[in-house]
């Protein structure tokens, strides 16, 4: 059985997403999304959220485990996400970074995308938007890691068939 990139184990079809930040409201919302939501773009997969309060603690995880998507808060230290993009780019299979921010206006969104973020999510987080953006990021990341699997097959794909 071929290992599918960005999936924890073939038998459980678990995709791990890492969240960096300490904003209680965001982390609570994300735990709800990952624990209760339907992931219609990726119905054959279960989603697991891992949280770390700092960039350094997140890097420790990312050096030991391939994680496809990272959610990074843009909190009091507004440039953390920029540093994350720069430091993650040195990893063998860098994750896609989605920035979360209360100040997610058009100017911020353009800046984030131009610097390499996958997308920006406004806080407070919307469940539908989180599942859509995170699913899309994972599908795109996975397509880059396993280019022989056509994107239109993802919805039908089971890990054992990959």
Protein backbone atom coordinates (compact mmCIF):
# COMPACT_ATOMS: atom_id res chain seq x y z
CA UNK A 1 0.00 0.00 0.00
CA UNK A 2 1.46 3.35 -1.06
CA UNK A 3 1.76 6.08 1.58
CA UNK A 4 -0.23 9.20 0.75
CA UNK A 5 1.55 12.49 1.55
CA UNK A 6 0.09 14.53 4.38
CA UNK A 7 -1.91 11.63 5.80
CA UNK A 8 -0.92 10.22 9.18
CA UNK A 9 -1.66 6.55 8.58
CA UNK A 10 -3.23 4.78 5.65
CA UNK A 11 -5.63 2.83 7.85
CA UNK A 12 -7.20 5.86 9.52
CA UNK A 13 -7.07 8.53 6.76
CA UNK A 14 -6.15 11.25 9.27
CA UNK A 15 -4.92 14.64 8.06
CA UNK A 16 -3.16 16.67 10.74
CA UNK A 17 -3.33 20.46 10.69
CA UNK A 18 -1.17 22.57 13.01
CA UNK A 19 -2.43 25.77 14.60
CA UNK A 20 0.05 28.28 16.00
CA UNK A 21 -1.26 30.80 18.50
CA UNK A 22 -2.54 31.41 21.95
CA UNK A 23 -5.76 33.36 21.30
CA UNK A 24 -8.26 31.31 23.31
CA UNK A 25 -11.24 32.30 21.14
CA UNK A 26 -9.48 31.15 17.95
CA UNK A 27 -8.22 27.89 19.41
CA UNK A 28 -11.66 27.10 20.84
CA UNK A 29 -13.31 27.82 17.47
CA UNK A 30 -10.76 25.66 15.65
CA UNK A 31 -11.25 22.75 18.06
CA UNK A 32 -14.98 22.97 17.38
CA UNK A 33 -14.45 23.04 13.60
CA UNK A 34 -12.09 20.07 13.64
CA UNK A 35 -14.20 18.07 16.06
CA UNK A 36 -17.69 18.71 14.73
CA UNK A 37 -17.62 19.78 11.09
CA UNK A 38 -18.29 17.91 7.88
CA UNK A 39 -15.37 18.10 5.47
CA UNK A 40 -17.36 17.70 2.27
CA UNK A 41 -14.40 18.41 -0.03
CA UNK A 42 -12.51 15.45 1.51
CA UNK A 43 -15.17 13.01 2.75
CA UNK A 44 -12.83 10.01 3.08
CA UNK A 45 -10.55 11.76 5.55
CA UNK A 46 -10.67 12.65 9.22
CA UNK A 47 -9.07 15.86 10.40
CA UNK A 48 -6.91 16.29 13.48
CA UNK A 49 -5.91 19.65 14.97
CA UNK A 50 -2.62 20.02 16.81
CA UNK A 51 -2.02 23.33 18.57
CA UNK A 52 1.20 25.01 19.60
CA UNK A 53 1.46 28.41 21.31
CA UNK A 54 4.68 29.59 19.64
CA UNK A 55 6.52 29.41 16.35
CA UNK A 56 9.47 27.62 17.96
CA UNK A 57 7.25 24.91 19.44
CA UNK A 58 5.54 24.51 16.04
CA UNK A 59 8.91 24.15 14.30
CA UNK A 60 9.83 21.33 16.67
CA UNK A 61 6.71 19.45 15.52
CA UNK A 62 7.26 20.25 11.83
CA UNK A 63 10.86 19.01 11.90
CA UNK A 64 9.64 15.61 13.12
CA UNK A 65 6.39 15.22 11.21
CA UNK A 66 5.17 16.20 7.77
CA UNK A 67 2.16 18.46 8.29
CA UNK A 68 0.55 19.91 5.17
CA UNK A 69 -1.32 22.94 6.55
CA UNK A 70 -0.51 25.42 9.31
CA UNK A 71 -2.89 28.03 10.66
CA UNK A 72 -0.91 30.96 12.08
CA UNK A 73 -2.46 33.70 14.21
CA UNK A 74 -1.67 37.28 13.45
CA UNK A 75 -1.96 38.51 17.02
CA UNK A 76 -0.06 41.05 19.09
CA UNK A 77 3.20 40.04 17.42
CA UNK A 78 1.89 40.76 13.92
CA UNK A 79 5.00 39.53 12.09
CA UNK A 80 4.97 35.97 13.47
CA UNK A 81 3.28 34.72 10.30
CA UNK A 82 5.98 36.34 8.15
CA UNK A 83 8.69 34.64 10.17
CA UNK A 84 6.75 31.37 9.92
CA UNK A 85 6.65 31.61 6.12
CA UNK A 86 10.38 32.25 5.98
CA UNK A 87 11.33 29.48 8.41
CA UNK A 88 8.91 26.90 7.02
CA UNK A 89 10.26 27.43 3.50
CA UNK A 90 13.44 25.65 4.61
CA UNK A 91 11.59 22.42 5.41
CA UNK A 92 11.72 19.53 2.89
CA UNK A 93 7.94 19.65 2.24
CA UNK A 94 6.88 23.07 3.56
CA UNK A 95 3.31 23.34 4.78
CA UNK A 96 0.87 25.83 3.34
CA UNK A 97 0.33 28.68 5.78
CA UNK A 98 -3.09 30.17 6.38
CA UNK A 99 -3.00 33.39 8.40
CA UNK A 100 -5.83 34.20 10.81
CA UNK A 101 -6.42 37.82 11.75
CA UNK A 102 -9.02 40.24 13.09
CA UNK A 103 -7.57 42.80 10.69
CA UNK A 104 -8.08 40.70 7.57
CA UNK A 105 -8.84 43.55 5.20
CA UNK A 106 -7.99 43.58 1.50
CA UNK A 107 -4.59 45.22 2.04
CA UNK A 108 -3.53 42.62 4.60
CA UNK A 109 -4.82 39.78 2.41
CA UNK A 110 -2.81 41.04 -0.60
CA UNK A 111 0.32 41.39 1.55
CA UNK A 112 -0.04 37.88 2.96
CA UNK A 113 -0.58 36.27 -0.44
CA UNK A 114 2.31 38.20 -1.99
CA UNK A 115 4.63 36.98 0.76
CA UNK A 116 3.62 33.35 0.23
CA UNK A 117 0.66 32.63 2.53
CA UNK A 118 -1.90 30.26 1.07
CA UNK A 119 -4.83 32.36 2.31
CA UNK A 120 -6.12 34.58 5.11
CA UNK A 121 -9.06 33.81 7.38
CA UNK A 122 -10.82 36.61 9.24
CA UNK A 123 -11.52 36.13 12.92
CA UNK A 124 -13.85 35.37 14.51
CA UNK A 125 -13.59 32.20 12.45
CA UNK A 126 -16.46 30.97 10.30
CA UNK A 127 -16.81 27.16 10.25
CA UNK A 128 -17.72 26.91 6.57
CA UNK A 129 -14.85 29.16 5.51
CA UNK A 130 -12.32 27.30 7.68
CA UNK A 131 -13.29 23.89 6.27
CA UNK A 132 -13.28 25.21 2.70
CA UNK A 133 -9.90 26.97 2.94
CA UNK A 134 -8.15 24.23 4.93
CA UNK A 135 -9.50 21.49 2.62
CA UNK A 136 -8.45 23.44 -0.44
CA UNK A 137 -4.97 24.04 0.99
CA UNK A 138 -4.52 20.36 1.81
CA UNK A 139 -5.73 19.23 -1.61
CA UNK A 140 -3.34 21.67 -3.30
CA UNK A 141 -0.40 20.68 -1.05
CA UNK A 142 -1.15 17.01 -1.61
CA UNK A 143 -1.29 17.53 -5.37
CA UNK A 144 2.20 19.02 -5.24
CA UNK A 145 3.48 16.08 -3.17
CA UNK A 146 1.75 13.40 -5.26
CA UNK A 147 1.39 14.91 -8.75
CA UNK A 148 0.35 11.62 -10.32
CA UNK A 149 -3.03 11.78 -8.56
CA UNK A 150 -5.37 14.04 -10.57
CA UNK A 151 -7.08 16.70 -8.39
CA UNK A 152 -10.56 15.71 -9.58
CA UNK A 153 -9.99 12.28 -7.99
CA UNK A 154 -9.48 13.55 -4.45
CA UNK A 155 -13.13 13.35 -3.46
CA UNK A 156 -13.29 9.71 -4.58
CA UNK A 157 -9.80 8.76 -3.43
CA UNK A 158 -9.31 6.32 -0.62
CA UNK A 159 -5.83 6.07 0.79
CA UNK A 160 -5.57 2.35 0.07
CA UNK A 161 -6.20 3.02 -3.63
CA UNK A 162 -3.43 5.62 -3.90
